[in-house]
Amino acid sequence: MDFHHSPQIRSAFPELAAGVVFAQGITPDAAPDLERFTAVAKERLAAGTEADLPEIQAWRRAFSKMGLKPTQYRCASESLLRRFRKEGSLPRIHPLIDLCNAVSLAYAVPVAVFDLAHVARSLEVRHAVGEETYLTFGGEVERPDPGEVIFADAEGRAHARRWTNRQSGYSAVRDTTDSVLIVAEAMHATAAADVAELTTALARELERAWPTVREVTIENR
């Protein structure tokens, strides 16, 4: 699986730091340690709201640069932190999704996870041409706006819209998921170091909680 950001994205957002974790052998019956990550989020939110965090502020600037209103379209980590702050917890969906959400809370960094059985050959973060197809979680098909930042595979499917705002239902993790690509992206001043720490912590928890995992690979860029 080839994952990369287009040269245009790299040029427009030179501050971007990304980390990738590839794992095989995922099952729906693991029990990851979520509490150690959510405890970090609780401590950080005790001093203010998610809007005060430098990680979130950096993504708000990026969304503004893309021509999006940051309080209308939030990055995934801001949406999770906002819900967590208001409700005190997040719903349980699948052990891997729950883990990625908890890690995203702790680091205030968007973490996306894709079922590779539903991604065609490659995944590129790039500007849409307007002909790509995006499947919502409700089963509706949309077409991203031309110029919108998306995660696109080799067959023109958009697996995320508005960059880190919303993932597709097509490649969402499900009980049959085995191989996954997990992507963390950040823009703040210490993004490179924080993303490297995040991917290491995530990989260790994957290996601990999933004895069935056959391979875990980390790459930071």
N, C-alpha and C. Protein backbone atom coordinates (compact mmCIF):
# COMPACT_ATOMS: atom_id res chain seq x y z
N MET A 1 0.84 -1.19 0.00
CA MET A 1 0.00 0.00 0.00
C MET A 1 0.88 1.25 0.00
N ASP A 2 0.71 2.05 -1.00
CA ASP A 2 1.44 3.31 -1.12
C ASP A 2 0.57 4.43 -0.56
N PHE A 3 1.05 5.12 0.47
CA PHE A 3 0.34 6.28 1.01
C PHE A 3 1.26 7.49 0.92
N HIS A 4 0.72 8.61 0.44
CA HIS A 4 1.52 9.82 0.36
C HIS A 4 0.63 11.05 0.23
N HIS A 5 1.24 12.21 0.43
CA HIS A 5 0.59 13.49 0.19
C HIS A 5 1.09 14.03 -1.15
N SER A 6 0.22 14.65 -1.90
CA SER A 6 0.62 15.17 -3.19
C SER A 6 1.63 16.30 -3.02
N PRO A 7 2.46 16.56 -4.02
CA PRO A 7 3.41 17.68 -3.94
C PRO A 7 2.71 19.01 -3.67
N GLN A 8 1.51 19.18 -4.21
CA GLN A 8 0.77 20.43 -4.00
C GLN A 8 0.38 20.60 -2.53
N ILE A 9 -0.02 19.51 -1.88
CA ILE A 9 -0.37 19.57 -0.45
C ILE A 9 0.88 19.86 0.38
N ARG A 10 1.96 19.19 0.07
CA ARG A 10 3.22 19.41 0.80
C ARG A 10 3.71 20.85 0.64
N SER A 11 3.53 21.40 -0.55
CA SER A 11 3.97 22.77 -0.80
C SER A 11 3.10 23.78 -0.07
N ALA A 12 1.79 23.53 -0.04
CA ALA A 12 0.86 24.47 0.60
C ALA A 12 0.91 24.39 2.12
N PHE A 13 1.30 23.21 2.65
CA PHE A 13 1.33 23.01 4.11
C PHE A 13 2.69 22.42 4.51
N PRO A 14 3.75 23.20 4.42
CA PRO A 14 5.09 22.68 4.74
C PRO A 14 5.24 22.27 6.20
N GLU A 15 4.37 22.76 7.07
CA GLU A 15 4.42 22.41 8.49
C GLU A 15 3.84 21.04 8.79
N LEU A 16 3.23 20.39 7.81
CA LEU A 16 2.57 19.11 8.01
C LEU A 16 3.55 18.01 8.42
N ALA A 17 3.19 17.29 9.47
CA ALA A 17 3.91 16.08 9.89
C ALA A 17 2.91 14.93 9.88
N ALA A 18 3.30 13.80 9.31
CA ALA A 18 2.39 12.67 9.21
C ALA A 18 3.06 11.40 9.69
N GLY A 19 2.27 10.54 10.30
CA GLY A 19 2.75 9.24 10.74
C GLY A 19 1.79 8.16 10.26
N VAL A 20 2.33 7.03 9.85
CA VAL A 20 1.53 5.94 9.32
C VAL A 20 1.85 4.66 10.08
N VAL A 21 0.80 3.93 10.45
CA VAL A 21 0.95 2.61 11.06
C VAL A 21 0.17 1.62 10.21
N PHE A 22 0.85 0.57 9.79
CA PHE A 22 0.20 -0.52 9.05
C PHE A 22 0.14 -1.74 9.95
N ALA A 23 -1.02 -2.38 10.01
CA ALA A 23 -1.17 -3.56 10.86
C ALA A 23 -2.01 -4.62 10.18
N GLN A 24 -1.61 -5.87 10.35
CA GLN A 24 -2.36 -7.02 9.85
C GLN A 24 -2.73 -7.92 11.03
N GLY A 25 -3.91 -8.52 10.96
CA GLY A 25 -4.34 -9.44 12.00
C GLY A 25 -5.30 -8.81 13.00
N ILE A 26 -6.00 -7.76 12.60
CA ILE A 26 -6.97 -7.11 13.47
C ILE A 26 -8.21 -7.99 13.63
N THR A 27 -8.73 -8.06 14.84
CA THR A 27 -9.97 -8.79 15.13
C THR A 27 -10.88 -7.89 15.96
N PRO A 28 -12.17 -8.22 16.06
CA PRO A 28 -13.11 -7.36 16.79
C PRO A 28 -13.24 -7.69 18.28
N ASP A 29 -12.37 -8.57 18.79
CA ASP A 29 -12.55 -9.03 20.17
C ASP A 29 -11.41 -8.63 21.11
N ALA A 30 -10.60 -7.64 20.72
CA ALA A 30 -9.49 -7.19 21.57
C ALA A 30 -9.99 -6.24 22.65
N ALA A 31 -9.13 -6.01 23.65
CA ALA A 31 -9.48 -5.10 24.75
C ALA A 31 -8.33 -4.13 24.99
N PRO A 32 -8.18 -3.12 24.14
CA PRO A 32 -7.08 -2.16 24.32
C PRO A 32 -7.28 -1.32 25.57
N ASP A 33 -6.18 -0.80 26.09
CA ASP A 33 -6.21 0.06 27.27
C ASP A 33 -6.54 1.49 26.82
N LEU A 34 -7.79 1.86 26.91
CA LEU A 34 -8.22 3.19 26.50
C LEU A 34 -8.01 4.22 27.59
N GLU A 35 -8.08 3.79 28.83
CA GLU A 35 -8.08 4.72 29.96
C GLU A 35 -6.80 5.53 30.05
N ARG A 36 -5.67 4.94 29.73
CA ARG A 36 -4.42 5.69 29.85
C ARG A 36 -4.35 6.84 28.85
N PHE A 37 -5.08 6.71 27.74
CA PHE A 37 -5.13 7.80 26.76
C PHE A 37 -6.20 8.82 27.12
N THR A 38 -7.37 8.35 27.51
CA THR A 38 -8.44 9.29 27.85
C THR A 38 -8.10 10.09 29.11
N ALA A 39 -7.29 9.51 30.00
CA ALA A 39 -6.88 10.24 31.20
C ALA A 39 -6.03 11.46 30.82
N VAL A 40 -5.21 11.32 29.81
CA VAL A 40 -4.40 12.44 29.33
C VAL A 40 -5.31 13.54 28.79
N ALA A 41 -6.32 13.13 28.04
CA ALA A 41 -7.26 14.11 27.48
C ALA A 41 -8.01 14.84 28.57
N LYS A 42 -8.44 14.13 29.60
CA LYS A 42 -9.15 14.76 30.71
C LYS A 42 -8.27 15.80 31.39
N GLU A 43 -7.00 15.47 31.57
CA GLU A 43 -6.08 16.40 32.22
C GLU A 43 -5.87 17.65 31.37
N ARG A 44 -5.73 17.46 30.07
CA ARG A 44 -5.52 18.61 29.19
C ARG A 44 -6.77 19.49 29.12
N LEU A 45 -7.94 18.89 29.10
CA LEU A 45 -9.18 19.65 29.01
C LEU A 45 -9.55 20.32 30.32
N ALA A 46 -8.95 19.87 31.41
CA ALA A 46 -9.24 20.49 32.71
C ALA A 46 -8.77 21.94 32.75
N ALA A 47 -7.82 22.28 31.89
CA ALA A 47 -7.26 23.64 31.88
C ALA A 47 -7.98 24.56 30.90
N GLY A 48 -8.92 24.02 30.11
CA GLY A 48 -9.63 24.84 29.13
C GLY A 48 -10.40 23.96 28.16
N THR A 49 -10.71 24.49 26.99
CA THR A 49 -11.43 23.71 25.99
C THR A 49 -10.47 23.25 24.89
N GLU A 50 -10.98 22.41 24.04
CA GLU A 50 -10.17 21.92 22.93
C GLU A 50 -9.68 23.07 22.03
N ALA A 51 -10.42 24.15 21.96
CA ALA A 51 -10.03 25.28 21.11
C ALA A 51 -8.75 25.96 21.60
N ASP A 52 -8.38 25.72 22.86
CA ASP A 52 -7.17 26.32 23.42
C ASP A 52 -5.90 25.53 23.09
N LEU A 53 -6.06 24.32 22.60
CA LEU A 53 -4.91 23.45 22.36
C LEU A 53 -4.19 23.84 21.07
N PRO A 54 -2.87 23.90 21.09
CA PRO A 54 -2.12 24.31 19.89
C PRO A 54 -2.34 23.38 18.71
N GLU A 55 -2.56 22.10 18.98
CA GLU A 55 -2.80 21.14 17.90
C GLU A 55 -4.09 21.50 17.14
N ILE A 56 -5.12 21.86 17.89
CA ILE A 56 -6.41 22.22 17.29
C ILE A 56 -6.33 23.58 16.60
N GLN A 57 -5.65 24.52 17.23
CA GLN A 57 -5.49 25.84 16.62
C GLN A 57 -4.79 25.75 15.27
N ALA A 58 -3.80 24.85 15.18
CA ALA A 58 -3.08 24.69 13.92
C ALA A 58 -3.99 24.15 12.82
N TRP A 59 -4.84 23.19 13.18
CA TRP A 59 -5.77 22.65 12.18
C TRP A 59 -6.84 23.67 11.80
N ARG A 60 -7.24 24.51 12.74
CA ARG A 60 -8.19 25.58 12.41
C ARG A 60 -7.59 26.53 11.38
N ARG A 61 -6.31 26.84 11.55
CA ARG A 61 -5.64 27.70 10.57
C ARG A 61 -5.59 27.01 9.21
N ALA A 62 -5.34 25.72 9.21
CA ALA A 62 -5.28 24.98 7.95
C ALA A 62 -6.65 24.96 7.27
N PHE A 63 -7.71 24.77 8.04
CA PHE A 63 -9.05 24.76 7.45
C PHE A 63 -9.40 26.13 6.88
N SER A 64 -9.01 27.19 7.60
CA SER A 64 -9.24 28.54 7.08
C SER A 64 -8.49 28.75 5.77
N LYS A 65 -7.27 28.22 5.71
CA LYS A 65 -6.45 28.34 4.49
C LYS A 65 -7.11 27.62 3.33
N MET A 66 -7.86 26.54 3.64
CA MET A 66 -8.57 25.79 2.60
C MET A 66 -9.90 26.44 2.22
N GLY A 67 -10.22 27.57 2.87
CA GLY A 67 -11.47 28.26 2.57
C GLY A 67 -12.66 27.72 3.32
N LEU A 68 -12.42 26.97 4.40
CA LEU A 68 -13.49 26.39 5.21
C LEU A 68 -13.62 27.13 6.53
N LYS A 69 -14.84 27.30 7.00
CA LYS A 69 -15.07 27.92 8.28
C LYS A 69 -14.73 26.91 9.38
N PRO A 70 -13.71 27.17 10.20
CA PRO A 70 -13.23 26.15 11.16
C PRO A 70 -14.25 25.69 12.18
N THR A 71 -15.21 26.54 12.53
CA THR A 71 -16.22 26.12 13.51
C THR A 71 -17.41 25.42 12.85
N GLN A 72 -17.43 25.40 11.53
CA GLN A 72 -18.46 24.65 10.80
C GLN A 72 -17.93 23.28 10.39
N TYR A 73 -16.69 23.26 9.93
CA TYR A 73 -16.02 22.01 9.57
C TYR A 73 -14.82 21.84 10.49
N ARG A 74 -14.92 20.93 11.42
CA ARG A 74 -13.85 20.71 12.40
C ARG A 74 -13.01 19.50 12.02
N CYS A 75 -11.73 19.53 12.35
CA CYS A 75 -10.92 18.33 12.16
C CYS A 75 -11.43 17.25 13.12
N ALA A 76 -11.15 16.00 12.80
CA ALA A 76 -11.71 14.88 13.55
C ALA A 76 -11.35 14.92 15.03
N SER A 77 -10.12 15.30 15.36
CA SER A 77 -9.71 15.32 16.76
C SER A 77 -10.46 16.39 17.54
N GLU A 78 -10.72 17.53 16.92
CA GLU A 78 -11.48 18.57 17.61
C GLU A 78 -12.91 18.10 17.89
N SER A 79 -13.53 17.45 16.91
CA SER A 79 -14.89 16.93 17.10
C SER A 79 -14.94 15.91 18.23
N LEU A 80 -13.94 15.02 18.27
CA LEU A 80 -13.89 14.02 19.34
C LEU A 80 -13.70 14.68 20.71
N LEU A 81 -12.76 15.62 20.79
CA LEU A 81 -12.49 16.29 22.06
C LEU A 81 -13.71 17.08 22.53
N ARG A 82 -14.39 17.72 21.62
CA ARG A 82 -15.58 18.50 21.95
C ARG A 82 -16.66 17.59 22.55
N ARG A 83 -16.89 16.46 21.90
CA ARG A 83 -17.89 15.52 22.41
C ARG A 83 -17.46 14.93 23.75
N PHE A 84 -16.18 14.59 23.86
CA PHE A 84 -15.65 14.02 25.09
C PHE A 84 -15.78 15.00 26.25
N ARG A 85 -15.48 16.27 25.99
CA ARG A 85 -15.58 17.29 27.03
C ARG A 85 -17.03 17.45 27.51
N LYS A 86 -17.97 17.38 26.59
CA LYS A 86 -19.37 17.60 26.94
C LYS A 86 -20.03 16.37 27.57
N GLU A 87 -19.65 15.17 27.10
CA GLU A 87 -20.33 13.96 27.53
C GLU A 87 -19.52 13.11 28.49
N GLY A 88 -18.20 13.35 28.56
CA GLY A 88 -17.36 12.60 29.48
C GLY A 88 -16.89 11.26 28.98
N SER A 89 -17.34 10.86 27.80
CA SER A 89 -16.93 9.58 27.23
C SER A 89 -17.28 9.58 25.74
N LEU A 90 -16.81 8.54 25.04
CA LEU A 90 -17.15 8.34 23.65
C LEU A 90 -17.83 6.98 23.49
N PRO A 91 -18.74 6.83 22.53
CA PRO A 91 -19.38 5.52 22.33
C PRO A 91 -18.37 4.48 21.86
N ARG A 92 -18.58 3.23 22.25
CA ARG A 92 -17.72 2.14 21.80
C ARG A 92 -18.24 1.63 20.46
N ILE A 93 -17.34 1.48 19.50
CA ILE A 93 -17.74 1.10 18.15
C ILE A 93 -17.10 -0.22 17.74
N HIS A 94 -15.78 -0.27 17.78
CA HIS A 94 -14.95 -1.43 17.45
C HIS A 94 -13.66 -1.20 18.22
N PRO A 95 -13.03 -2.24 18.77
CA PRO A 95 -11.83 -2.01 19.59
C PRO A 95 -10.76 -1.16 18.92
N LEU A 96 -10.56 -1.33 17.62
CA LEU A 96 -9.53 -0.54 16.95
C LEU A 96 -9.96 0.92 16.79
N ILE A 97 -11.20 1.13 16.41
CA ILE A 97 -11.71 2.50 16.31
C ILE A 97 -11.66 3.18 17.68
N ASP A 98 -12.06 2.44 18.71
CA ASP A 98 -12.04 3.00 20.07
C ASP A 98 -10.63 3.39 20.48
N LEU A 99 -9.65 2.55 20.12
CA LEU A 99 -8.25 2.86 20.45
C LEU A 99 -7.78 4.09 19.69
N CYS A 100 -8.05 4.14 18.40
CA CYS A 100 -7.62 5.30 17.61
C CYS A 100 -8.28 6.58 18.10
N ASN A 101 -9.54 6.50 18.49
CA ASN A 101 -10.22 7.67 19.05
C ASN A 101 -9.58 8.11 20.35
N ALA A 102 -9.24 7.15 21.21
CA ALA A 102 -8.62 7.48 22.50
C ALA A 102 -7.24 8.12 22.30
N VAL A 103 -6.48 7.59 21.36
CA VAL A 103 -5.16 8.15 21.05
C VAL A 103 -5.31 9.56 20.47
N SER A 104 -6.30 9.74 19.62
CA SER A 104 -6.56 11.05 19.05
C SER A 104 -6.92 12.05 20.15
N LEU A 105 -7.70 11.63 21.13
CA LEU A 105 -8.03 12.50 22.27
C LEU A 105 -6.78 12.90 23.03
N ALA A 106 -5.93 11.94 23.31
CA ALA A 106 -4.74 12.20 24.13
C ALA A 106 -3.78 13.19 23.45
N TYR A 107 -3.61 13.05 22.15
CA TYR A 107 -2.64 13.87 21.43
C TYR A 107 -3.29 15.06 20.72
N ALA A 108 -4.63 15.13 20.71
CA ALA A 108 -5.37 16.19 20.01
C ALA A 108 -4.99 16.24 18.53
N VAL A 109 -4.72 15.08 17.97
CA VAL A 109 -4.28 14.95 16.58
C VAL A 109 -5.26 14.03 15.84
N PRO A 110 -5.69 14.39 14.64
CA PRO A 110 -6.58 13.50 13.89
C PRO A 110 -5.91 12.17 13.57
N VAL A 111 -6.64 11.09 13.83
CA VAL A 111 -6.14 9.74 13.54
C VAL A 111 -7.21 9.03 12.71
N ALA A 112 -6.87 8.69 11.48
CA ALA A 112 -7.80 8.00 10.58
C ALA A 112 -7.36 6.56 10.41
N VAL A 113 -8.33 5.66 10.32
CA VAL A 113 -8.02 4.24 10.12
C VAL A 113 -8.85 3.72 8.96
N PHE A 114 -8.17 3.03 8.03
CA PHE A 114 -8.80 2.55 6.79
C PHE A 114 -8.66 1.04 6.68
N ASP A 115 -9.76 0.38 6.33
CA ASP A 115 -9.74 -1.05 6.05
C ASP A 115 -9.16 -1.23 4.65
N LEU A 116 -7.97 -1.81 4.57
CA LEU A 116 -7.26 -1.88 3.29
C LEU A 116 -7.92 -2.81 2.27
N ALA A 117 -8.83 -3.66 2.73
CA ALA A 117 -9.56 -4.50 1.78
C ALA A 117 -10.48 -3.66 0.90
N HIS A 118 -10.71 -2.42 1.31
CA HIS A 118 -11.63 -1.55 0.57
C HIS A 118 -10.93 -0.31 0.03
N VAL A 119 -9.60 -0.38 -0.07
CA VAL A 119 -8.82 0.71 -0.67
C VAL A 119 -8.09 0.15 -1.88
N ALA A 120 -8.24 0.82 -3.02
CA ALA A 120 -7.65 0.32 -4.26
C ALA A 120 -6.20 0.77 -4.42
N ARG A 121 -5.28 -0.11 -4.11
CA ARG A 121 -3.84 -0.02 -4.43
C ARG A 121 -3.06 1.09 -3.75
N SER A 122 -3.59 2.31 -3.71
CA SER A 122 -2.83 3.42 -3.13
C SER A 122 -3.79 4.41 -2.49
N LEU A 123 -3.23 5.29 -1.67
CA LEU A 123 -4.03 6.32 -1.02
C LEU A 123 -3.21 7.61 -1.02
N GLU A 124 -3.78 8.65 -1.62
CA GLU A 124 -3.09 9.92 -1.74
C GLU A 124 -3.95 11.04 -1.17
N VAL A 125 -3.35 11.89 -0.35
CA VAL A 125 -4.02 13.10 0.11
C VAL A 125 -3.77 14.16 -0.96
N ARG A 126 -4.83 14.57 -1.64
CA ARG A 126 -4.68 15.49 -2.77
C ARG A 126 -5.94 16.33 -2.94
N HIS A 127 -5.87 17.26 -3.88
CA HIS A 127 -7.04 18.05 -4.22
C HIS A 127 -7.94 17.24 -5.15
N ALA A 128 -9.23 17.30 -4.90
CA ALA A 128 -10.20 16.59 -5.74
C ALA A 128 -10.34 17.27 -7.09
N VAL A 129 -10.65 16.47 -8.11
CA VAL A 129 -10.96 17.03 -9.42
C VAL A 129 -12.47 17.21 -9.58
N GLY A 130 -13.23 16.58 -8.67
CA GLY A 130 -14.69 16.71 -8.70
C GLY A 130 -15.41 15.51 -9.28
N GLU A 131 -14.65 14.51 -9.72
CA GLU A 131 -15.25 13.32 -10.31
C GLU A 131 -15.17 12.11 -9.37
N GLU A 132 -14.50 12.26 -8.23
CA GLU A 132 -14.36 11.15 -7.28
C GLU A 132 -15.70 10.84 -6.60
N THR A 133 -15.84 9.63 -6.11
CA THR A 133 -17.05 9.24 -5.40
C THR A 133 -16.74 9.02 -3.92
N TYR A 134 -17.67 9.44 -3.08
CA TYR A 134 -17.53 9.32 -1.63
C TYR A 134 -18.80 8.70 -1.09
N LEU A 135 -18.66 7.65 -0.30
CA LEU A 135 -19.80 6.95 0.29
C LEU A 135 -19.97 7.38 1.74
N THR A 136 -21.10 7.94 2.09
CA THR A 136 -21.36 8.35 3.47
C THR A 136 -21.66 7.12 4.32
N PHE A 137 -21.66 7.30 5.65
CA PHE A 137 -22.00 6.19 6.54
C PHE A 137 -23.48 5.83 6.41
N GLY A 138 -24.26 6.74 5.86
CA GLY A 138 -25.68 6.47 5.64
C GLY A 138 -25.96 5.79 4.31
N GLY A 139 -24.90 5.55 3.51
CA GLY A 139 -25.06 4.84 2.25
C GLY A 139 -25.29 5.74 1.05
N GLU A 140 -25.19 7.06 1.22
CA GLU A 140 -25.38 7.98 0.10
C GLU A 140 -24.04 8.23 -0.60
N VAL A 141 -24.11 8.44 -1.91
CA VAL A 141 -22.91 8.71 -2.69
C VAL A 141 -22.82 10.21 -2.95
N GLU A 142 -21.68 10.81 -2.64
CA GLU A 142 -21.43 12.22 -2.86
C GLU A 142 -20.22 12.39 -3.78
N ARG A 143 -20.09 13.58 -4.34
CA ARG A 143 -18.89 13.93 -5.11
C ARG A 143 -18.23 15.13 -4.43
N PRO A 144 -16.99 14.98 -4.00
CA PRO A 144 -16.29 16.11 -3.39
C PRO A 144 -16.20 17.29 -4.36
N ASP A 145 -16.15 18.48 -3.80
CA ASP A 145 -16.02 19.68 -4.63
C ASP A 145 -14.63 19.73 -5.27
N PRO A 146 -14.53 20.22 -6.49
CA PRO A 146 -13.21 20.39 -7.10
C PRO A 146 -12.32 21.26 -6.22
N GLY A 147 -11.09 20.80 -6.00
CA GLY A 147 -10.16 21.54 -5.15
C GLY A 147 -10.21 21.16 -3.69
N GLU A 148 -11.24 20.42 -3.29
CA GLU A 148 -11.35 19.97 -1.90
C GLU A 148 -10.24 18.96 -1.60
N VAL A 149 -9.68 19.00 -0.40
CA VAL A 149 -8.63 18.04 -0.03
C VAL A 149 -9.29 16.73 0.39
N ILE A 150 -8.89 15.65 -0.24
CA ILE A 150 -9.47 14.34 0.02
C ILE A 150 -8.37 13.28 0.16
N PHE A 151 -8.74 12.12 0.66
CA PHE A 151 -7.92 10.92 0.61
C PHE A 151 -8.47 10.11 -0.58
N ALA A 152 -7.71 9.98 -1.66
CA ALA A 152 -8.20 9.32 -2.86
C ALA A 152 -7.40 8.06 -3.17
N ASP A 153 -8.11 7.00 -3.58
CA ASP A 153 -7.39 5.78 -3.97
C ASP A 153 -7.24 5.74 -5.49
N ALA A 154 -6.67 4.65 -5.99
CA ALA A 154 -6.31 4.57 -7.41
C ALA A 154 -7.53 4.43 -8.31
N GLU A 155 -8.71 4.15 -7.76
CA GLU A 155 -9.92 4.02 -8.56
C GLU A 155 -10.83 5.23 -8.42
N GLY A 156 -10.31 6.31 -7.82
CA GLY A 156 -11.09 7.53 -7.73
C GLY A 156 -12.10 7.57 -6.61
N ARG A 157 -11.96 6.69 -5.64
CA ARG A 157 -12.83 6.78 -4.45
C ARG A 157 -12.21 7.75 -3.45
N ALA A 158 -13.04 8.58 -2.87
CA ALA A 158 -12.60 9.48 -1.81
C ALA A 158 -12.90 8.81 -0.47
N HIS A 159 -11.85 8.54 0.30
CA HIS A 159 -12.02 7.86 1.58
C HIS A 159 -12.09 8.83 2.75
N ALA A 160 -11.93 10.10 2.48
CA ALA A 160 -12.16 11.16 3.47
C ALA A 160 -12.43 12.45 2.73
N ARG A 161 -13.33 13.26 3.28
CA ARG A 161 -13.62 14.57 2.71
C ARG A 161 -13.09 15.67 3.62
N ARG A 162 -12.81 16.82 3.01
CA ARG A 162 -12.31 17.99 3.72
C ARG A 162 -11.13 17.59 4.62
N TRP A 163 -10.24 16.83 4.04
CA TRP A 163 -9.01 16.35 4.66
C TRP A 163 -9.28 15.54 5.93
N THR A 164 -9.24 16.16 7.09
CA THR A 164 -9.40 15.41 8.35
C THR A 164 -10.78 15.63 8.96
N ASN A 165 -11.75 16.04 8.14
CA ASN A 165 -13.08 16.33 8.67
C ASN A 165 -13.97 15.11 8.77
N ARG A 166 -14.04 14.30 7.70
CA ARG A 166 -15.02 13.22 7.67
C ARG A 166 -14.53 12.05 6.82
N GLN A 167 -14.51 10.85 7.40
CA GLN A 167 -14.11 9.65 6.67
C GLN A 167 -15.29 9.04 5.93
N SER A 168 -14.97 8.11 5.04
CA SER A 168 -15.99 7.42 4.25
C SER A 168 -16.45 6.13 4.92
N GLY A 169 -17.70 5.79 4.68
CA GLY A 169 -18.20 4.52 5.18
C GLY A 169 -17.67 3.35 4.39
N TYR A 170 -17.15 3.60 3.18
CA TYR A 170 -16.70 2.52 2.32
C TYR A 170 -15.53 1.75 2.92
N SER A 171 -14.55 2.45 3.46
CA SER A 171 -13.36 1.80 4.01
C SER A 171 -13.33 1.81 5.53
N ALA A 172 -14.49 1.98 6.15
CA ALA A 172 -14.56 2.00 7.61
C ALA A 172 -14.25 0.62 8.19
N VAL A 173 -13.67 0.62 9.37
CA VAL A 173 -13.36 -0.65 10.06
C VAL A 173 -14.66 -1.35 10.45
N ARG A 174 -14.69 -2.66 10.25
CA ARG A 174 -15.85 -3.49 10.58
C ARG A 174 -15.37 -4.79 11.19
N ASP A 175 -16.29 -5.65 11.59
CA ASP A 175 -15.90 -6.89 12.27
C ASP A 175 -15.03 -7.79 11.41
N THR A 176 -15.13 -7.67 10.09
CA THR A 176 -14.36 -8.53 9.18
C THR A 176 -12.99 -7.93 8.83
N THR A 177 -12.70 -6.74 9.33
CA THR A 177 -11.44 -6.07 9.00
C THR A 177 -10.24 -6.86 9.49
N ASP A 178 -9.22 -6.98 8.65
CA ASP A 178 -7.98 -7.67 9.02
C ASP A 178 -6.76 -6.75 8.90
N SER A 179 -6.60 -6.10 7.74
CA SER A 179 -5.45 -5.24 7.50
C SER A 179 -5.89 -3.78 7.47
N VAL A 180 -5.13 -2.93 8.16
CA VAL A 180 -5.51 -1.52 8.25
C VAL A 180 -4.32 -0.60 8.02
N LEU A 181 -4.64 0.59 7.57
CA LEU A 181 -3.69 1.69 7.49
C LEU A 181 -4.21 2.77 8.42
N ILE A 182 -3.36 3.19 9.36
CA ILE A 182 -3.73 4.22 10.33
C ILE A 182 -2.86 5.44 10.05
N VAL A 183 -3.48 6.60 9.91
CA VAL A 183 -2.77 7.82 9.54
C VAL A 183 -3.01 8.90 10.58
N ALA A 184 -1.93 9.49 11.09
CA ALA A 184 -2.01 10.63 12.02
C ALA A 184 -1.35 11.82 11.34
N GLU A 185 -2.00 12.99 11.42
CA GLU A 185 -1.47 14.19 10.77
C GLU A 185 -1.57 15.39 11.70
N ALA A 186 -0.55 16.20 11.73
CA ALA A 186 -0.53 17.36 12.63
C ALA A 186 0.19 18.52 11.98
N MET A 187 -0.11 19.73 12.47
CA MET A 187 0.43 20.96 11.88
C MET A 187 1.11 21.87 12.89
N HIS A 188 1.03 21.58 14.19
CA HIS A 188 1.51 22.50 15.21
C HIS A 188 3.04 22.47 15.31
N ALA A 189 3.59 23.34 16.15
CA ALA A 189 5.04 23.55 16.19
C ALA A 189 5.84 22.29 16.50
N THR A 190 5.33 21.44 17.38
CA THR A 190 6.05 20.22 17.76
C THR A 190 5.44 18.98 17.10
N ALA A 191 4.82 19.17 15.95
CA ALA A 191 4.07 18.10 15.29
C ALA A 191 4.93 16.87 15.00
N ALA A 192 6.12 17.05 14.47
CA ALA A 192 6.94 15.90 14.09
C ALA A 192 7.24 15.00 15.28
N ALA A 193 7.66 15.60 16.39
CA ALA A 193 7.98 14.81 17.59
C ALA A 193 6.72 14.17 18.16
N ASP A 194 5.61 14.91 18.18
CA ASP A 194 4.38 14.39 18.77
C ASP A 194 3.79 13.27 17.94
N VAL A 195 3.84 13.39 16.63
CA VAL A 195 3.32 12.33 15.77
C VAL A 195 4.17 11.07 15.89
N ALA A 196 5.48 11.23 16.01
CA ALA A 196 6.36 10.07 16.21
C ALA A 196 6.04 9.36 17.53
N GLU A 197 5.80 10.15 18.57
CA GLU A 197 5.42 9.57 19.86
C GLU A 197 4.07 8.87 19.77
N LEU A 198 3.14 9.50 19.08
CA LEU A 198 1.80 8.93 18.91
C LEU A 198 1.86 7.58 18.20
N THR A 199 2.55 7.51 17.07
CA THR A 199 2.59 6.26 16.32
C THR A 199 3.28 5.15 17.10
N THR A 200 4.29 5.50 17.88
CA THR A 200 4.96 4.50 18.70
C THR A 200 4.02 3.96 19.78
N ALA A 201 3.31 4.86 20.45
CA ALA A 201 2.37 4.44 21.49
C ALA A 201 1.25 3.59 20.90
N LEU A 202 0.77 3.98 19.74
CA LEU A 202 -0.30 3.23 19.09
C LEU A 202 0.17 1.85 18.68
N ALA A 203 1.35 1.75 18.10
CA ALA A 203 1.87 0.46 17.67
C ALA A 203 2.08 -0.48 18.85
N ARG A 204 2.59 0.06 19.96
CA ARG A 204 2.80 -0.77 21.15
C ARG A 204 1.48 -1.31 21.69
N GLU A 205 0.44 -0.47 21.68
CA GLU A 205 -0.86 -0.93 22.19
C GLU A 205 -1.49 -1.93 21.23
N LEU A 206 -1.28 -1.77 19.95
CA LEU A 206 -1.76 -2.76 18.98
C LEU A 206 -1.13 -4.13 19.24
N GLU A 207 0.16 -4.14 19.47
CA GLU A 207 0.86 -5.41 19.70
C GLU A 207 0.48 -6.02 21.03
N ARG A 208 0.16 -5.18 22.02
CA ARG A 208 -0.23 -5.70 23.33
C ARG A 208 -1.66 -6.23 23.32
N ALA A 209 -2.57 -5.48 22.72
CA ALA A 209 -3.99 -5.82 22.81
C ALA A 209 -4.45 -6.84 21.77
N TRP A 210 -3.71 -6.96 20.67
CA TRP A 210 -4.09 -7.89 19.61
C TRP A 210 -3.01 -8.96 19.45
N PRO A 211 -3.10 -10.07 20.18
CA PRO A 211 -2.13 -11.16 19.99
C PRO A 211 -2.18 -11.73 18.58
N THR A 212 -3.28 -11.46 17.86
CA THR A 212 -3.45 -11.98 16.50
C THR A 212 -2.69 -11.15 15.47
N VAL A 213 -2.20 -9.99 15.85
CA VAL A 213 -1.51 -9.12 14.90
C VAL A 213 -0.24 -9.79 14.38
N ARG A 214 -0.12 -9.87 13.06
CA ARG A 214 1.01 -10.55 12.44
C ARG A 214 2.13 -9.58 12.09
N GLU A 215 1.79 -8.32 11.91
CA GLU A 215 2.80 -7.35 11.50
C GLU A 215 2.34 -5.95 11.87
N VAL A 216 3.25 -5.14 12.41
CA VAL A 216 2.99 -3.73 12.66
C VAL A 216 4.17 -2.95 12.12
N THR A 217 3.91 -2.01 11.24
CA THR A 217 4.96 -1.19 10.64
C THR A 217 4.66 0.28 10.88
N ILE A 218 5.69 1.05 11.24
CA ILE A 218 5.55 2.48 11.49
C ILE A 218 6.39 3.26 10.49
N GLU A 219 5.84 4.35 10.00
CA GLU A 219 6.60 5.27 9.17
C GLU A 219 6.18 6.69 9.50
N ASN A 220 7.14 7.55 9.79
CA ASN A 220 6.86 8.96 10.09
C ASN A 220 7.51 9.85 9.05
N ARG A 221 6.79 10.89 8.67
CA ARG A 221 7.28 11.75 7.58
C ARG A 221 7.16 13.22 7.97
